[in-house]
PDB file of N, CA and C in Angstrom:
ATOM      1  N   MET A   1      56.288  88.452 -48.237  1.00  0.00           N
ATOM      2  CA  MET A   1      56.014  87.328 -47.313  1.00  0.00           C
ATOM      3  C   MET A   1      56.761  87.515 -45.961  1.00  0.00           C
ATOM      4  N   CYS A   2      57.874  88.167 -46.004  1.00  0.00           N
ATOM      5  CA  CYS A   2      58.634  88.414 -44.778  1.00  0.00           C
ATOM      6  C   CYS A   2      57.882  89.382 -43.885  1.00  0.00           C
ATOM      7  N   SER A   3      57.278  90.364 -44.430  1.00  0.00           N
ATOM      8  CA  SER A   3      56.530  91.394 -43.639  1.00  0.00           C
ATOM      9  C   SER A   3      55.299  90.812 -42.944  1.00  0.00           C
ATOM     10  N   GLU A   4      54.627  89.830 -43.555  1.00  0.00           N
ATOM     11  CA  GLU A   4      53.459  89.182 -42.883  1.00  0.00           C
ATOM     12  C   GLU A   4      54.030  88.381 -41.742  1.00  0.00           C
ATOM     13  N   LEU A   5      55.082  87.745 -41.893  1.00  0.00           N
ATOM     14  CA  LEU A   5      55.568  86.803 -40.816  1.00  0.00           C
ATOM     15  C   LEU A   5      55.987  87.694 -39.668  1.00  0.00           C
ATOM     16  N   ASP A   6      56.689  88.831 -39.892  1.00  0.00           N
ATOM     17  CA  ASP A   6      57.146  89.755 -38.784  1.00  0.00           C
ATOM     18  C   ASP A   6      55.908  90.352 -38.140  1.00  0.00           C
ATOM     19  N   LEU A   7      54.901  90.671 -38.795  1.00  0.00           N
ATOM     20  CA  LEU A   7      53.706  91.268 -38.243  1.00  0.00           C
ATOM     21  C   LEU A   7      53.061  90.211 -37.244  1.00  0.00           C
ATOM     22  N   GLY A   8      53.026  88.958 -37.620  1.00  0.00           N
ATOM     23  CA  GLY A   8      52.528  87.900 -36.771  1.00  0.00           C
ATOM     24  C   GLY A   8      53.282  87.784 -35.499  1.00  0.00           C
ATOM     25  N   TYR A   9      54.510  87.729 -35.599  1.00  0.00           N
ATOM     26  CA  TYR A   9      55.447  87.689 -34.439  1.00  0.00           C
ATOM     27  C   TYR A   9      55.338  88.837 -33.588  1.00  0.00           C
ATOM     28  N   PHE A  10      55.188  89.999 -34.079  1.00  0.00           N
ATOM     29  CA  PHE A  10      55.132  91.244 -33.370  1.00  0.00           C
ATOM     30  C   PHE A  10      53.762  91.216 -32.621  1.00  0.00           C
ATOM     31  N   SER A  11      52.753  90.828 -33.269  1.00  0.00           N
ATOM     32  CA  SER A  11      51.411  90.762 -32.671  1.00  0.00           C
ATOM     33  C   SER A  11      51.370  89.804 -31.456  1.00  0.00           C
ATOM     34  N   MET A  12      51.958  88.619 -31.699  1.00  0.00           N
ATOM     35  CA  MET A  12      51.960  87.608 -30.651  1.00  0.00           C
ATOM     36  C   MET A  12      52.868  88.124 -29.408  1.00  0.00           C
ATOM     37  N   ALA A  13      53.978  88.781 -29.725  1.00  0.00           N
ATOM     38  CA  ALA A  13      54.774  89.270 -28.634  1.00  0.00           C
ATOM     39  C   ALA A  13      54.084  90.261 -27.869  1.00  0.00           C
ATOM     40  N   MET A  14      53.327  91.207 -28.568  1.00  0.00           N
ATOM     41  CA  MET A  14      52.656  92.237 -27.804  1.00  0.00           C
ATOM     42  C   MET A  14      51.501  91.649 -26.960  1.00  0.00           C
ATOM     43  N   TRP A  15      50.792  90.642 -27.367  1.00  0.00           N
ATOM     44  CA  TRP A  15      49.822  90.005 -26.591  1.00  0.00           C
ATOM     45  C   TRP A  15      50.459  89.309 -25.380  1.00  0.00           C
ATOM     46  N   THR A  16      51.569  88.729 -25.548  1.00  0.00           N
ATOM     47  CA  THR A  16      52.247  88.012 -24.472  1.00  0.00           C
ATOM     48  C   THR A  16      52.711  89.041 -23.439  1.00  0.00           C
ATOM     49  N   ILE A  17      53.324  90.190 -23.825  1.00  0.00           N
ATOM     50  CA  ILE A  17      53.749  91.143 -22.958  1.00  0.00           C
ATOM     51  C   ILE A  17      52.616  91.796 -22.230  1.00  0.00           C
ATOM     52  N   GLY A  18      51.570  92.093 -22.956  1.00  0.00           N
ATOM     53  CA  GLY A  18      50.356  92.697 -22.358  1.00  0.00           C
ATOM     54  C   GLY A  18      49.664  91.756 -21.263  1.00  0.00           C
ATOM     55  N   LEU A  19      49.551  90.447 -21.609  1.00  0.00           N
ATOM     56  CA  LEU A  19      49.032  89.564 -20.614  1.00  0.00           C
ATOM     57  C   LEU A  19      49.845  89.381 -19.451  1.00  0.00           C
ATOM     58  N   GLY A  20      51.211  89.346 -19.619  1.00  0.00           N
ATOM     59  CA  GLY A  20      52.080  89.265 -18.524  1.00  0.00           C
ATOM     60  C   GLY A  20      52.045  90.494 -17.659  1.00  0.00           C
ATOM     61  N   ALA A  21      51.899  91.634 -18.230  1.00  0.00           N
ATOM     62  CA  ALA A  21      51.768  92.869 -17.377  1.00  0.00           C
ATOM     63  C   ALA A  21      50.479  92.864 -16.622  1.00  0.00           C
ATOM     64  N   ILE A  22      49.375  92.448 -17.254  1.00  0.00           N
ATOM     65  CA  ILE A  22      48.109  92.405 -16.509  1.00  0.00           C
ATOM     66  C   ILE A  22      48.155  91.287 -15.344  1.00  0.00           C
ATOM     67  N   GLY A  23      48.774  90.156 -15.653  1.00  0.00           N
ATOM     68  CA  GLY A  23      48.935  89.115 -14.574  1.00  0.00           C
ATOM     69  C   GLY A  23      49.849  89.654 -13.444  1.00  0.00           C
ATOM     70  N   ALA A  24      50.874  90.409 -13.777  1.00  0.00           N
ATOM     71  CA  ALA A  24      51.716  90.901 -12.752  1.00  0.00           C
ATOM     72  C   ALA A  24      50.969  91.933 -11.873  1.00  0.00           C
ATOM     73  N   ALA A  25      50.218  92.767 -12.494  1.00  0.00           N
ATOM     74  CA  ALA A  25      49.388  93.891 -11.818  1.00  0.00           C
ATOM     75  C   ALA A  25      48.442  93.176 -10.920  1.00  0.00           C
ATOM     76  N   VAL A  26      47.742  92.210 -11.367  1.00  0.00           N
ATOM     77  CA  VAL A  26      46.662  91.548 -10.531  1.00  0.00           C
ATOM     78  C   VAL A  26      47.297  90.784  -9.402  1.00  0.00           C
ATOM     79  N   THR A  27      48.384  90.155  -9.653  1.00  0.00           N
ATOM     80  CA  THR A  27      49.162  89.416  -8.487  1.00  0.00           C
ATOM     81  C   THR A  27      49.635  90.402  -7.497  1.00  0.00           C
ATOM     82  N   GLY A  28      50.213  91.564  -7.928  1.00  0.00           N
ATOM     83  CA  GLY A  28      50.645  92.577  -7.000  1.00  0.00           C
ATOM     84  C   GLY A  28      49.527  93.217  -6.186  1.00  0.00           C
ATOM     85  N   ILE A  29      48.453  93.417  -6.834  1.00  0.00           N
ATOM     86  CA  ILE A  29      47.279  93.895  -6.013  1.00  0.00           C
ATOM     87  C   ILE A  29      46.817  92.985  -4.965  1.00  0.00           C
ATOM     88  N   ILE A  30      46.765  91.646  -5.358  1.00  0.00           N
ATOM     89  CA  ILE A  30      46.239  90.617  -4.425  1.00  0.00           C
ATOM     90  C   ILE A  30      47.310  90.516  -3.268  1.00  0.00           C
ATOM     91  N   LEU A  31      48.567  90.456  -3.600  1.00  0.00           N
ATOM     92  CA  LEU A  31      49.501  90.269  -2.507  1.00  0.00           C
ATOM     93  C   LEU A  31      49.621  91.496  -1.610  1.00  0.00           C
ATOM     94  N   ALA A  32      49.492  92.718  -2.156  1.00  0.00           N
ATOM     95  CA  ALA A  32      49.555  93.869  -1.418  1.00  0.00           C
ATOM     96  C   ALA A  32      48.315  94.211  -0.428  1.00  0.00           C
ATOM     97  N   ASN A  33      47.219  93.655  -0.818  1.00  0.00           N
ATOM     98  CA  ASN A  33      46.005  93.947  -0.053  1.00  0.00           C
ATOM     99  C   ASN A  33      45.410  92.814   0.668  1.00  0.00           C
ATOM    100  N   THR A  34      46.040  91.648   0.678  1.00  0.00           N
ATOM    101  CA  THR A  34      45.532  90.545   1.469  1.00  0.00           C
ATOM    102  C   THR A  34      46.691  89.909   2.266  1.00  0.00           C
ATOM    103  N   ASP A  35      46.334  88.989   3.127  1.00  0.00           N
ATOM    104  CA  ASP A  35      47.366  88.299   3.928  1.00  0.00           C
ATOM    105  C   ASP A  35      47.270  86.782   3.595  1.00  0.00           C
ATOM    106  N   LEU A  36      46.970  86.475   2.322  1.00  0.00           N
ATOM    107  CA  LEU A  36      46.801  85.023   1.999  1.00  0.00           C
ATOM    108  C   LEU A  36      48.040  84.251   2.197  1.00  0.00           C
ATOM    109  N   PHE A  37      49.221  84.750   1.887  1.00  0.00           N
ATOM    110  CA  PHE A  37      50.379  83.940   1.889  1.00  0.00           C
ATOM    111  C   PHE A  37      51.326  84.265   3.093  1.00  0.00           C
ATOM    112  N   LEU A  38      50.815  85.075   4.059  1.00  0.00           N
ATOM    113  CA  LEU A  38      51.585  85.369   5.227  1.00  0.00           C
ATOM    114  C   LEU A  38      51.391  84.312   6.331  1.00  0.00           C
ATOM    115  N   THR A  39      52.395  84.056   7.134  1.00  0.00           N
ATOM    116  CA  THR A  39      52.227  83.158   8.239  1.00  0.00           C
ATOM    117  C   THR A  39      51.348  83.783   9.332  1.00  0.00           C
ATOM    118  N   LYS A  40      50.556  82.995   9.941  1.00  0.00           N
ATOM    119  CA  LYS A  40      49.663  83.523  10.979  1.00  0.00           C
ATOM    120  C   LYS A  40      50.414  83.742  12.247  1.00  0.00           C
ATOM    121  N   ALA A  41      50.092  84.864  13.025  1.00  0.00           N
ATOM    122  CA  ALA A  41      50.742  85.155  14.230  1.00  0.00           C
ATOM    123  C   ALA A  41      50.211  84.240  15.327  1.00  0.00           C
ATOM    124  N   GLU A  42      51.112  83.929  16.219  1.00  0.00           N
ATOM    125  CA  GLU A  42      50.681  83.104  17.415  1.00  0.00           C
ATOM    126  C   GLU A  42      50.480  84.010  18.629  1.00  0.00           C
ATOM    127  N   LYS A  43      49.614  83.667  19.492  1.00  0.00           N
ATOM    128  CA  LYS A  43      49.354  84.366  20.669  1.00  0.00           C
ATOM    129  C   LYS A  43      50.345  84.068  21.694  1.00  0.00           C
ATOM    130  N   ALA A  44      50.909  85.085  22.321  1.00  0.00           N
ATOM    131  CA  ALA A  44      51.934  84.826  23.367  1.00  0.00           C
ATOM    132  C   ALA A  44      51.230  84.439  24.674  1.00  0.00           C
ATOM    133  N   SER A  45      51.737  83.395  25.313  1.00  0.00           N
ATOM    134  CA  SER A  45      51.189  83.029  26.604  1.00  0.00           C
ATOM    135  C   SER A  45      51.668  83.922  27.736  1.00  0.00           C
ATOM    136  N   LEU A  46      50.986  83.905  28.858  1.00  0.00           N
ATOM    137  CA  LEU A  46      51.383  84.651  29.987  1.00  0.00           C
ATOM    138  C   LEU A  46      52.682  84.199  30.578  1.00  0.00           C
ATOM    139  N   ASP A  47      52.877  82.885  30.540  1.00  0.00           N
ATOM    140  CA  ASP A  47      54.143  82.391  31.057  1.00  0.00           C
ATOM    141  C   ASP A  47      55.343  82.826  30.144  1.00  0.00           C
ATOM    142  N   PHE A  48      55.120  82.854  28.855  1.00  0.00           N
ATOM    143  CA  PHE A  48      56.220  83.293  27.929  1.00  0.00           C
ATOM    144  C   PHE A  48      56.530  84.732  28.165  1.00  0.00           C
ATOM    145  N   LEU A  49      55.528  85.583  28.309  1.00  0.00           N
ATOM    146  CA  LEU A  49      55.687  87.120  28.539  1.00  0.00           C
ATOM    147  C   LEU A  49      56.320  87.302  29.939  1.00  0.00           C
ATOM    148  N   GLY A  50      55.891  86.476  30.877  1.00  0.00           N
ATOM    149  CA  GLY A  50      56.447  86.694  32.225  1.00  0.00           C
ATOM    150  C   GLY A  50      57.930  86.355  32.376  1.00  0.00           C
ATOM    151  N   SER A  51      58.342  85.444  31.499  1.00  0.00           N
ATOM    152  CA  SER A  51      59.759  85.022  31.616  1.00  0.00           C
ATOM    153  C   SER A  51      60.716  85.931  30.764  1.00  0.00           C
ATOM    154  N   ALA A  52      60.125  86.882  30.122  1.00  0.00           N
ATOM    155  CA  ALA A  52      60.969  87.834  29.302  1.00  0.00           C
ATOM    156  C   ALA A  52      61.903  88.661  30.226  1.00  0.00           C
ATOM    157  N   ASP A  53      63.119  88.789  29.828  1.00  0.00           N
ATOM    158  CA  ASP A  53      64.124  89.646  30.471  1.00  0.00           C
ATOM    159  C   ASP A  53      63.890  91.074  30.179  1.00  0.00           C
ATOM    160  N   LEU A  54      63.837  91.974  31.121  1.00  0.00           N
ATOM    161  CA  LEU A  54      63.676  93.419  30.967  1.00  0.00           C
ATOM    162  C   LEU A  54      64.875  94.144  31.554  1.00  0.00           C
ATOM    163  N   LYS A  55      65.274  95.304  31.023  1.00  0.00           N
ATOM    164  CA  LYS A  55      66.317  96.124  31.594  1.00  0.00           C
ATOM    165  C   LYS A  55      65.802  97.481  31.739  1.00  0.00           C
ATOM    166  N   THR A  56      66.221  98.128  32.779  1.00  0.00           N
ATOM    167  CA  THR A  56      65.751  99.561  33.026  1.00  0.00           C
ATOM    168  C   THR A  56      66.614 100.476  32.104  1.00  0.00           C
ATOM    169  N   LEU A  57      65.913 101.597  31.785  1.00  0.00           N
ATOM    170  CA  LEU A  57      66.629 102.651  30.992  1.00  0.00           C
ATOM    171  C   LEU A  57      66.682 103.909  31.766  1.00  0.00           C
ATOM    172  N   GLY A  58      67.571 104.782  31.424  1.00  0.00           N
ATOM    173  CA  GLY A  58      67.576 105.993  32.191  1.00  0.00           C
ATOM    174  C   GLY A  58      68.975 106.212  32.861  1.00  0.00           C
ATOM    175  N   GLY A  59      69.018 107.209  33.744  1.00  0.00           N
ATOM    176  CA  GLY A  59      70.281 107.638  34.351  1.00  0.00           C
ATOM    177  C   GLY A  59      70.605 106.921  35.614  1.00  0.00           C
ATOM    178  N   GLY A  60      69.640 106.149  36.150  1.00  0.00           N
ATOM    179  CA  GLY A  60      69.900 105.403  37.409  1.00  0.00           C
ATOM    180  C   GLY A  60      70.754 104.131  37.136  1.00  0.00           C
ATOM    181  N   LYS A  61      70.927 103.408  38.217  1.00  0.00           N
ATOM    182  CA  LYS A  61      71.690 102.128  38.104  1.00  0.00           C
ATOM    183  C   LYS A  61      70.904 101.175  37.318  1.00  0.00           C
ATOM    184  N   PRO A  62      71.558 100.592  36.129  1.00  0.00           N
ATOM    185  CA  PRO A  62      70.802  99.677  35.428  1.00  0.00           C
ATOM    186  C   PRO A  62      70.444  98.396  36.170  1.00  0.00           C
ATOM    187  N   ARG A  63      69.255  97.912  35.953  1.00  0.00           N
ATOM    188  CA  ARG A  63      68.771  96.771  36.660  1.00  0.00           C
ATOM    189  C   ARG A  63      68.034  95.810  35.642  1.00  0.00           C
ATOM    190  N   ALA A  64      68.303  94.515  35.824  1.00  0.00           N
ATOM    191  CA  ALA A  64      67.634  93.493  34.938  1.00  0.00           C
ATOM    192  C   ALA A  64      66.689  92.760  35.785  1.00  0.00           C
ATOM    193  N   PHE A  65      65.505  92.378  35.264  1.00  0.00           N
ATOM    194  CA  PHE A  65      64.490  91.700  36.017  1.00  0.00           C
ATOM    195  C   PHE A  65      63.579  91.016  35.023  1.00  0.00           C
ATOM    196  N   LYS A  66      62.737  90.105  35.571  1.00  0.00           N
ATOM    197  CA  LYS A  66      61.753  89.428  34.717  1.00  0.00           C
ATOM    198  C   LYS A  66      60.517  90.222  34.521  1.00  0.00           C
ATOM    199  N   ALA A  67      59.842  90.081  33.445  1.00  0.00           N
ATOM    200  CA  ALA A  67      58.587  90.884  33.264  1.00  0.00           C
ATOM    201  C   ALA A  67      57.521  90.554  34.220  1.00  0.00           C
ATOM    202  N   GLU A  68      57.531  89.393  34.809  1.00  0.00           N
ATOM    203  CA  GLU A  68      56.574  88.960  35.768  1.00  0.00           C
ATOM    204  C   GLU A  68      56.562  89.943  37.005  1.00  0.00           C
ATOM    205  N   GLU A  69      57.639  90.408  37.362  1.00  0.00           N
ATOM    206  CA  GLU A  69      57.794  91.357  38.518  1.00  0.00           C
ATOM    207  C   GLU A  69      56.946  92.521  38.318  1.00  0.00           C
ATOM    208  N   LEU A  70      56.603  93.011  37.041  1.00  0.00           N
ATOM    209  CA  LEU A  70      55.876  94.138  36.817  1.00  0.00           C
ATOM    210  C   LEU A  70      54.433  93.954  37.327  1.00  0.00           C
ATOM    211  N   TRP A  71      53.883  92.814  37.189  1.00  0.00           N
ATOM    212  CA  TRP A  71      52.442  92.636  37.509  1.00  0.00           C
ATOM    213  C   TRP A  71      52.277  91.819  38.716  1.00  0.00           C
ATOM    214  N   ARG A  72      53.338  91.395  39.458  1.00  0.00           N
ATOM    215  CA  ARG A  72      53.195  90.628  40.599  1.00  0.00           C
ATOM    216  C   ARG A  72      52.543  91.409  41.730  1.00  0.00           C
ATOM    217  N   LYS A  73      52.910  92.639  41.949  1.00  0.00           N
ATOM    218  CA  LYS A  73      52.323  93.469  42.982  1.00  0.00           C
ATOM    219  C   LYS A  73      51.336  94.511  42.436  1.00  0.00           C
ATOM    220  N   HIS A  74      51.657  95.009  41.226  1.00  0.00           N
ATOM    221  CA  HIS A  74      50.952  96.147  40.618  1.00  0.00           C
ATOM    222  C   HIS A  74      50.417  95.624  39.264  1.00  0.00           C
ATOM    223  N   GLY A  75      49.282  96.184  38.811  1.00  0.00           N
ATOM    224  CA  GLY A  75      48.874  95.883  37.470  1.00  0.00           C
ATOM    225  C   GLY A  75      49.743  96.480  36.342  1.00  0.00           C
ATOM    226  N   ALA A  76      49.885  95.821  35.323  1.00  0.00           N
ATOM    227  CA  ALA A  76      50.755  96.364  34.216  1.00  0.00           C
ATOM    228  C   ALA A  76      50.156  95.899  32.872  1.00  0.00           C
ATOM    229  N   VAL A  77      50.371  96.652  31.872  1.00  0.00           N
ATOM    230  CA  VAL A  77      50.004  96.238  30.525  1.00  0.00           C
ATOM    231  C   VAL A  77      51.280  96.020  29.796  1.00  0.00           C
ATOM    232  N   ILE A  78      51.378  94.857  29.204  1.00  0.00           N
ATOM    233  CA  ILE A  78      52.590  94.454  28.471  1.00  0.00           C
ATOM    234  C   ILE A  78      52.264  94.290  26.957  1.00  0.00           C
ATOM    235  N   MET A  79      53.017  94.867  26.108  1.00  0.00           N
ATOM    236  CA  MET A  79      52.843  94.680  24.709  1.00  0.00           C
ATOM    237  C   MET A  79      54.180  94.128  24.092  1.00  0.00           C
ATOM    238  N   ALA A  80      54.010  92.938  23.441  1.00  0.00           N
ATOM    239  CA  ALA A  80      55.227  92.312  22.827  1.00  0.00           C
ATOM    240  C   ALA A  80      55.127  92.509  21.379  1.00  0.00           C
ATOM    241  N   VAL A  81      56.191  92.976  20.750  1.00  0.00           N
ATOM    242  CA  VAL A  81      56.234  93.194  19.352  1.00  0.00           C
ATOM    243  C   VAL A  81      57.486  92.600  18.917  1.00  0.00           C
ATOM    244  N   ARG A  82      57.407  91.729  17.819  1.00  0.00           N
ATOM    245  CA  ARG A  82      58.565  91.151  17.241  1.00  0.00           C
ATOM    246  C   ARG A  82      58.750  91.734  15.866  1.00  0.00           C
ATOM    247  N   ARG A  83      59.914  92.325  15.673  1.00  0.00           N
ATOM    248  CA  ARG A  83      60.257  92.896  14.363  1.00  0.00           C
ATOM    249  C   ARG A  83      60.795  91.793  13.455  1.00  0.00           C
ATOM    250  N   PRO A  84      60.548  91.826  12.205  1.00  0.00           N
ATOM    251  CA  PRO A  84      61.068  90.886  11.254  1.00  0.00           C
ATOM    252  C   PRO A  84      62.524  91.103  11.161  1.00  0.00           C
ATOM    253  N   GLY A  85      63.346  90.040  11.107  1.00  0.00           N
ATOM    254  CA  GLY A  85      64.775  90.172  10.773  1.00  0.00           C
ATOM    255  C   GLY A  85      65.605  90.002  11.909  1.00  0.00           C
TER     256      GLY A  85
END
């Protein structure tokens, strides 16, 4: 009688573990391949990008200026990237 009871518990435990593993795999595949739960990115306005502070790099005298100065007299392409964290 004890062996039948143990076999039933073992069978139920294996089904539970198997279904949990399948559920975890399906959830992982959905989260890795879709953006369902990610926040949506906002478009940066021209005013916001123009007010960004920029600093020169290199060996010359360092200078800080607003990004708007880049396209005031000359055309410029600006790419704004925000890293998480």
